[in-house]
Amino acid sequence: MSEAGLPEALVGALHELARVKRLLVALDFDGTLAPEVDDPAKARALPLAHEAVLRLRALPHTRVALVSGRALRSLEEVSGLPDDVLLVGSHGIELRLDNPEDAHVLDEAEQARVRVLDEVLGQVADSIDDVWLEPKPAGFALHTRLATEHNSRVAHLVALSEAQAEVDDLKIRQGKNVLEFAVRSTTKGEAVEHLRRYIDADAVLYAGDDVTDEDAFAALQAHDLGLKSGEGPTLANHRVAGPTEVAAVLDLLATYREGGVHEQ
């Protein structure tokens, strides 16, 4: 272990990353900046992580983005960050970039399919204890975090069966205690690629903890840094135990970059 209790290889990679001219720091929120909580509305970034994000956003040639499965409005509420932090909600379906008009809008056919999904998944959530439905711009997330293992399994099986029977060409993602259904396909990998082009980044740091973050890790290039928060198989080239260590990573990156080692 080296600085801040982080692996030496990771510290070295952060030092190199801090040297690039245009840097994109793209971060998942839940399980990465913020510890997992039972009530998603109460999730907040750890203080050190929040402070490090603010330090990074204040630096020249450095942009910070949150890339989340949350709906954009929810992400705005829990993150509490200034408007110049780029936000990607619903795995890339919703964007808050520098131009307020940058957004994705569903067409009438997609909206009709969302209404069918609402009816089908709503029935599943209503019929099983401690299962609830979260509206998303292009579909819904079925949450089972508070349900028993048996009820969670039943909810997932029934929801999959009923939704696929009623709505064609669904995009389905399975995360931690959540099953997401969408009528439009986007991934966090596509979101990261879009952000890279948008700011013309020379390198990217992406940090995430969930299965859906693997799409983002897969989109990274050789000079980028992928950081897995927590356990589980991953394509990321570095791993830390959880949000506390992610906060330490961001704090150290901000310190290195504030030190003026990056290219001018």
Foldseek 3Di string as FASTA:
>chain_A
DDPPPFDPVLLVLLLVQLAAQAEEEEEEFDFAQWDDDPDLLPTAGDPLLLVLQVLQCPDPNYAYEYFYLAAPVSCCNRHVDDLCHWYAYNQRQATRHPDNPPHHADDPVQVVLQVVLCVQLVVLQVVFPQWDWDDHRFHIKIACPPPDPVSLVVSVVSSVVRSCVRHPPWDWDDKDRIITTGPDDHANCNVVVVVCVVSVGPEYEYEDEIPRCQSNLVNHDPSYAYEYADDDDHSGPYYDPTNVVSSVSSNSSSVSNVVVSYDD
